Amino acid sequence: MFYPNAYFNKVEEITIEFLQRNKIKALILDIDNTLIDYNHVMTESVEKWARDLKGQGVKLYIVSNTSKKKKVEKVAGKLDIPYVFFAKKPLKIGFKKAQKYLKENSENIAVVGDQIFTDVIGGNRAKMFTILVEPISEKDFWYTKWKRPIERRIKENFMKRTKEK
């Protein structure tokens, strides 16, 4: 429940080859500290990564817990992808809405995000492939900051388990 299926330092490390190898046809993306930093800045490399994946047929969809619709709209507009905001992750509702739009089986969808307690647990509950990435920035919102030490311990255990395999 707490462990992702895969771990990367940043979204740009997720390649088309990795997705094809794992039969992933669509990505559900988090925004905060996954695609943009604390100051709402998205790098050109993230934009290029998303364009490249879309160009190779990978469907993208944003599922964000933020209640700030304008922020989500701006990112979604820049990447030209659909979105849902105020998704209430780790509840399944946002993931299921995205799945219905994407028209893919849950095993062919990967959830990509920087938080275990929202993205990974929610994606796992929705029976989707989960990919944990490192947060872009160390600066966090207060409601996320308190969870980071717990997530760090879970991540350390995950890394130990994957090295032992």
C-alpha atoms as a PDB file:
ATOM      1  CA  MET A   1       0.000   0.000   0.000  1.00  0.00           C
ATOM      2  CA  PHE A   2       2.820   2.442   0.906  1.00  0.00           C
ATOM      3  CA  TYR A   3       5.339   1.318  -1.702  1.00  0.00           C
ATOM      4  CA  PRO A   4       5.379   2.502  -5.302  1.00  0.00           C
ATOM      5  CA  ASN A   5       5.985   0.167  -8.216  1.00  0.00           C
ATOM      6  CA  ALA A   6       8.879   2.357  -9.363  1.00  0.00           C
ATOM      7  CA  TYR A   7      10.990   5.268  -8.191  1.00  0.00           C
ATOM      8  CA  PHE A   8      12.753   8.043 -10.139  1.00  0.00           C
ATOM      9  CA  ASN A   9      14.543  11.229  -9.146  1.00  0.00           C
ATOM     10  CA  LYS A  10      12.374  13.322 -11.482  1.00  0.00           C
ATOM     11  CA  VAL A  11       9.617  12.881 -14.055  1.00  0.00           C
ATOM     12  CA  GLU A  12      12.000  13.426 -16.950  1.00  0.00           C
ATOM     13  CA  GLU A  13      13.696  10.100 -16.091  1.00  0.00           C
ATOM     14  CA  ILE A  14      10.496   8.199 -16.949  1.00  0.00           C
ATOM     15  CA  THR A  15      11.129   6.998 -20.501  1.00  0.00           C
ATOM     16  CA  ILE A  16       8.892   5.628 -23.213  1.00  0.00           C
ATOM     17  CA  GLU A  17      10.889   2.371 -23.025  1.00  0.00           C
ATOM     18  CA  PHE A  18      10.138   2.053 -19.299  1.00  0.00           C
ATOM     19  CA  LEU A  19       6.438   2.706 -19.910  1.00  0.00           C
ATOM     20  CA  GLN A  20       6.248   0.214 -22.785  1.00  0.00           C
ATOM     21  CA  ARG A  21       8.104  -2.423 -20.756  1.00  0.00           C
ATOM     22  CA  ASN A  22       5.466  -2.025 -18.015  1.00  0.00           C
ATOM     23  CA  LYS A  23       2.511  -1.852 -20.463  1.00  0.00           C
ATOM     24  CA  ILE A  24       1.695   1.735 -19.424  1.00  0.00           C
ATOM     25  CA  LYS A  25      -0.396   3.655 -21.952  1.00  0.00           C
ATOM     26  CA  ALA A  26      -1.377   6.657 -19.811  1.00  0.00           C
ATOM     27  CA  LEU A  27       0.040   8.750 -16.967  1.00  0.00           C
ATOM     28  CA  ILE A  28      -1.892  10.493 -14.226  1.00  0.00           C
ATOM     29  CA  LEU A  29       0.314  13.345 -13.062  1.00  0.00           C
ATOM     30  CA  ASP A  30       0.461  15.288  -9.825  1.00  0.00           C
ATOM     31  CA  ILE A  31       1.364  18.989 -10.103  1.00  0.00           C
ATOM     32  CA  ASP A  32       2.896  20.423  -6.928  1.00  0.00           C
ATOM     33  CA  ASN A  33       6.532  19.418  -6.528  1.00  0.00           C
ATOM     34  CA  THR A  34       6.141  16.904  -9.361  1.00  0.00           C
ATOM     35  CA  LEU A  35       5.663  19.123 -12.437  1.00  0.00           C
ATOM     36  CA  ILE A  36       6.112  22.564 -10.854  1.00  0.00           C
ATOM     37  CA  ASP A  37       8.065  23.857  -7.874  1.00  0.00           C
ATOM     38  CA  TYR A  38       6.769  25.752  -4.844  1.00  0.00           C
ATOM     39  CA  ASN A  39       6.832  28.996  -6.868  1.00  0.00           C
ATOM     40  CA  HIS A  40       4.747  27.438  -9.700  1.00  0.00           C
ATOM     41  CA  VAL A  41       7.707  27.253 -12.094  1.00  0.00           C
ATOM     42  CA  MET A  42       7.770  24.463 -14.683  1.00  0.00           C
ATOM     43  CA  THR A  43      11.074  23.823 -16.420  1.00  0.00           C
ATOM     44  CA  GLU A  44      11.452  23.527 -20.184  1.00  0.00           C
ATOM     45  CA  SER A  45      12.700  19.951 -19.654  1.00  0.00           C
ATOM     46  CA  VAL A  46       9.373  18.956 -18.050  1.00  0.00           C
ATOM     47  CA  GLU A  47       7.459  20.548 -20.939  1.00  0.00           C
ATOM     48  CA  LYS A  48       9.668  18.745 -23.488  1.00  0.00           C
ATOM     49  CA  TRP A  49       9.273  15.431 -21.623  1.00  0.00           C
ATOM     50  CA  ALA A  50       5.468  15.736 -21.697  1.00  0.00           C
ATOM     51  CA  ARG A  51       5.451  16.737 -25.399  1.00  0.00           C
ATOM     52  CA  ASP A  52       7.726  13.809 -26.277  1.00  0.00           C
ATOM     53  CA  LEU A  53       5.567  11.261 -24.440  1.00  0.00           C
ATOM     54  CA  LYS A  54       2.384  12.621 -25.995  1.00  0.00           C
ATOM     55  CA  GLY A  55       4.078  12.489 -29.397  1.00  0.00           C
ATOM     56  CA  GLN A  56       4.703   8.782 -28.818  1.00  0.00           C
ATOM     57  CA  GLY A  57       1.068   8.093 -27.975  1.00  0.00           C
ATOM     58  CA  VAL A  58       1.155   8.221 -24.169  1.00  0.00           C
ATOM     59  CA  LYS A  59      -1.990   9.842 -22.768  1.00  0.00           C
ATOM     60  CA  LEU A  60      -1.510  12.376 -19.952  1.00  0.00           C
ATOM     61  CA  TYR A  61      -3.971  13.627 -17.341  1.00  0.00           C
ATOM     62  CA  ILE A  62      -3.465  15.820 -14.253  1.00  0.00           C
ATOM     63  CA  VAL A  63      -5.004  14.862 -10.922  1.00  0.00           C
ATOM     64  CA  SER A  64      -4.209  17.476  -8.283  1.00  0.00           C
ATOM     65  CA  ASN A  65      -5.322  17.985  -4.710  1.00  0.00           C
ATOM     66  CA  THR A  66      -4.985  21.753  -4.940  1.00  0.00           C
ATOM     67  CA  SER A  67      -8.163  23.793  -4.692  1.00  0.00           C
ATOM     68  CA  LYS A  68      -6.566  26.515  -6.839  1.00  0.00           C
ATOM     69  CA  LYS A  69      -8.227  25.917 -10.205  1.00  0.00           C
ATOM     70  CA  LYS A  70      -6.269  28.704 -11.959  1.00  0.00           C
ATOM     71  CA  LYS A  71      -2.945  27.088 -11.008  1.00  0.00           C
ATOM     72  CA  VAL A  72      -4.006  23.700 -12.368  1.00  0.00           C
ATOM     73  CA  GLU A  73      -5.511  25.292 -15.491  1.00  0.00           C
ATOM     74  CA  LYS A  74      -2.246  27.106 -16.194  1.00  0.00           C
ATOM     75  CA  VAL A  75      -0.139  23.932 -15.988  1.00  0.00           C
ATOM     76  CA  ALA A  76      -2.687  21.836 -17.902  1.00  0.00           C
ATOM     77  CA  GLY A  77      -2.934  24.546 -20.554  1.00  0.00           C
ATOM     78  CA  LYS A  78       0.833  24.738 -20.950  1.00  0.00           C
ATOM     79  CA  LEU A  79       1.003  20.969 -21.444  1.00  0.00           C
ATOM     80  CA  ASP A  80      -2.299  20.810 -23.355  1.00  0.00           C
ATOM     81  CA  ILE A  81      -3.746  18.025 -21.205  1.00  0.00           C
ATOM     82  CA  PRO A  82      -7.002  17.542 -19.257  1.00  0.00           C
ATOM     83  CA  TYR A  83      -7.169  17.818 -15.483  1.00  0.00           C
ATOM     84  CA  VAL A  84      -9.141  17.483 -12.302  1.00  0.00           C
ATOM     85  CA  PHE A  85      -8.376  19.697  -9.310  1.00  0.00           C
ATOM     86  CA  PHE A  86      -9.340  19.309  -5.632  1.00  0.00           C
ATOM     87  CA  ALA A  87      -9.175  15.557  -6.251  1.00  0.00           C
ATOM     88  CA  LYS A  88      -9.108  14.496  -2.573  1.00  0.00           C
ATOM     89  CA  LYS A  89      -6.241  12.025  -3.023  1.00  0.00           C
ATOM     90  CA  PRO A  90      -5.763   9.329  -1.711  1.00  0.00           C
ATOM     91  CA  LEU A  91      -9.488   8.787  -2.327  1.00  0.00           C
ATOM     92  CA  LYS A  92     -10.142   6.997  -5.616  1.00  0.00           C
ATOM     93  CA  ILE A  93     -12.589   9.530  -7.065  1.00  0.00           C
ATOM     94  CA  GLY A  94     -10.038  11.669  -8.963  1.00  0.00           C
ATOM     95  CA  PHE A  95      -8.179   8.624 -10.274  1.00  0.00           C
ATOM     96  CA  LYS A  96     -11.402   6.998 -11.467  1.00  0.00           C
ATOM     97  CA  LYS A  97     -12.512  10.207 -13.195  1.00  0.00           C
ATOM     98  CA  ALA A  98      -9.162  10.310 -15.018  1.00  0.00           C
ATOM     99  CA  GLN A  99      -9.410   6.609 -15.903  1.00  0.00           C
ATOM    100  CA  LYS A 100     -12.864   7.091 -17.394  1.00  0.00           C
ATOM    101  CA  TYR A 101     -11.589   9.978 -19.537  1.00  0.00           C
ATOM    102  CA  LEU A 102      -8.436   8.085 -20.576  1.00  0.00           C
ATOM    103  CA  LYS A 103     -10.446   4.949 -21.498  1.00  0.00           C
ATOM    104  CA  GLU A 104      -7.698   2.602 -20.264  1.00  0.00           C
ATOM    105  CA  ASN A 105      -7.648  -0.329 -17.857  1.00  0.00           C
ATOM    106  CA  SER A 106      -6.198   0.541 -14.457  1.00  0.00           C
ATOM    107  CA  GLU A 107      -3.171  -1.744 -15.001  1.00  0.00           C
ATOM    108  CA  ASN A 108      -2.243   0.341 -18.069  1.00  0.00           C
ATOM    109  CA  ILE A 109      -2.241   3.635 -16.149  1.00  0.00           C
ATOM    110  CA  ALA A 110       0.617   4.917 -13.997  1.00  0.00           C
ATOM    111  CA  VAL A 111       0.183   7.512 -11.270  1.00  0.00           C
ATOM    112  CA  VAL A 112       3.211   9.824 -10.986  1.00  0.00           C
ATOM    113  CA  GLY A 113       3.737  11.981  -7.923  1.00  0.00           C
ATOM    114  CA  ASP A 114       6.059  13.078  -5.145  1.00  0.00           C
ATOM    115  CA  GLN A 115       3.983  12.022  -2.138  1.00  0.00           C
ATOM    116  CA  ILE A 116       3.424   8.579  -0.708  1.00  0.00           C
ATOM    117  CA  PHE A 117       0.339   9.504   1.339  1.00  0.00           C
ATOM    118  CA  THR A 118      -1.575  10.961  -1.619  1.00  0.00           C
ATOM    119  CA  ASP A 119      -0.190   9.801  -4.966  1.00  0.00           C
ATOM    120  CA  VAL A 120       1.188   6.344  -4.138  1.00  0.00           C
ATOM    121  CA  ILE A 121      -1.505   5.214  -1.718  1.00  0.00           C
ATOM    122  CA  GLY A 122      -4.260   6.639  -3.941  1.00  0.00           C
ATOM    123  CA  GLY A 123      -2.828   5.051  -7.081  1.00  0.00           C
ATOM    124  CA  ASN A 124      -2.347   1.724  -5.335  1.00  0.00           C
ATOM    125  CA  ARG A 125      -5.928   1.841  -4.013  1.00  0.00           C
ATOM    126  CA  ALA A 126      -7.132   2.468  -7.583  1.00  0.00           C
ATOM    127  CA  LYS A 127      -5.116  -0.603  -8.721  1.00  0.00           C
ATOM    128  CA  MET A 128      -2.835   1.513 -10.898  1.00  0.00           C
ATOM    129  CA  PHE A 129       0.938   1.345 -11.403  1.00  0.00           C
ATOM    130  CA  THR A 130       2.553   3.912  -9.091  1.00  0.00           C
ATOM    131  CA  ILE A 131       5.709   5.920  -9.709  1.00  0.00           C
ATOM    132  CA  LEU A 132       7.215   7.978  -6.910  1.00  0.00           C
ATOM    133  CA  VAL A 133       9.484  10.886  -7.831  1.00  0.00           C
ATOM    134  CA  GLU A 134      11.598  13.082  -5.604  1.00  0.00           C
ATOM    135  CA  PRO A 135      10.034  16.467  -4.835  1.00  0.00           C
ATOM    136  CA  ILE A 136      11.373  19.181  -7.163  1.00  0.00           C
ATOM    137  CA  SER A 137      11.947  21.562  -4.273  1.00  0.00           C
ATOM    138  CA  GLU A 138      12.684  21.154  -0.573  1.00  0.00           C
ATOM    139  CA  LYS A 139      10.254  23.980   0.121  1.00  0.00           C
ATOM    140  CA  ASP A 140       6.831  22.528   0.893  1.00  0.00           C
ATOM    141  CA  PHE A 141       3.398  23.578   1.984  1.00  0.00           C
ATOM    142  CA  TRP A 142       2.809  23.197   5.742  1.00  0.00           C
ATOM    143  CA  TYR A 143       0.303  20.373   5.224  1.00  0.00           C
ATOM    144  CA  THR A 144       2.912  18.362   3.306  1.00  0.00           C
ATOM    145  CA  LYS A 145       6.029  19.214   5.297  1.00  0.00           C
ATOM    146  CA  TRP A 146       5.046  17.225   8.410  1.00  0.00           C
ATOM    147  CA  LYS A 147       4.659  14.021   6.346  1.00  0.00           C
ATOM    148  CA  ARG A 148       8.090  14.158   4.686  1.00  0.00           C
ATOM    149  CA  PRO A 149      10.079  12.513   7.546  1.00  0.00           C
ATOM    150  CA  ILE A 150       7.626   9.588   7.581  1.00  0.00           C
ATOM    151  CA  GLU A 151       7.803   9.312   3.790  1.00  0.00           C
ATOM    152  CA  ARG A 152      11.607   9.354   3.960  1.00  0.00           C
ATOM    153  CA  ARG A 153      11.560   6.265   6.232  1.00  0.00           C
ATOM    154  CA  ILE A 154       9.150   4.448   3.917  1.00  0.00           C
ATOM    155  CA  LYS A 155      11.334   5.371   0.924  1.00  0.00           C
ATOM    156  CA  GLU A 156      14.463   4.061   2.690  1.00  0.00           C
ATOM    157  CA  ASN A 157      12.721   0.747   3.377  1.00  0.00           C
ATOM    158  CA  PHE A 158      11.507   0.601  -0.227  1.00  0.00           C
ATOM    159  CA  MET A 159      15.037   1.230  -1.549  1.00  0.00           C
ATOM    160  CA  LYS A 160      16.456  -1.489   0.726  1.00  0.00           C
ATOM    161  CA  ARG A 161      13.833  -3.988  -0.452  1.00  0.00           C
ATOM    162  CA  THR A 162      14.447  -3.231  -4.134  1.00  0.00           C
ATOM    163  CA  LYS A 163      18.229  -3.631  -3.714  1.00  0.00           C
ATOM    164  CA  GLU A 164      17.714  -7.021  -2.069  1.00  0.00           C
ATOM    165  CA  LYS A 165      15.736  -8.338  -5.069  1.00  0.00           C
END
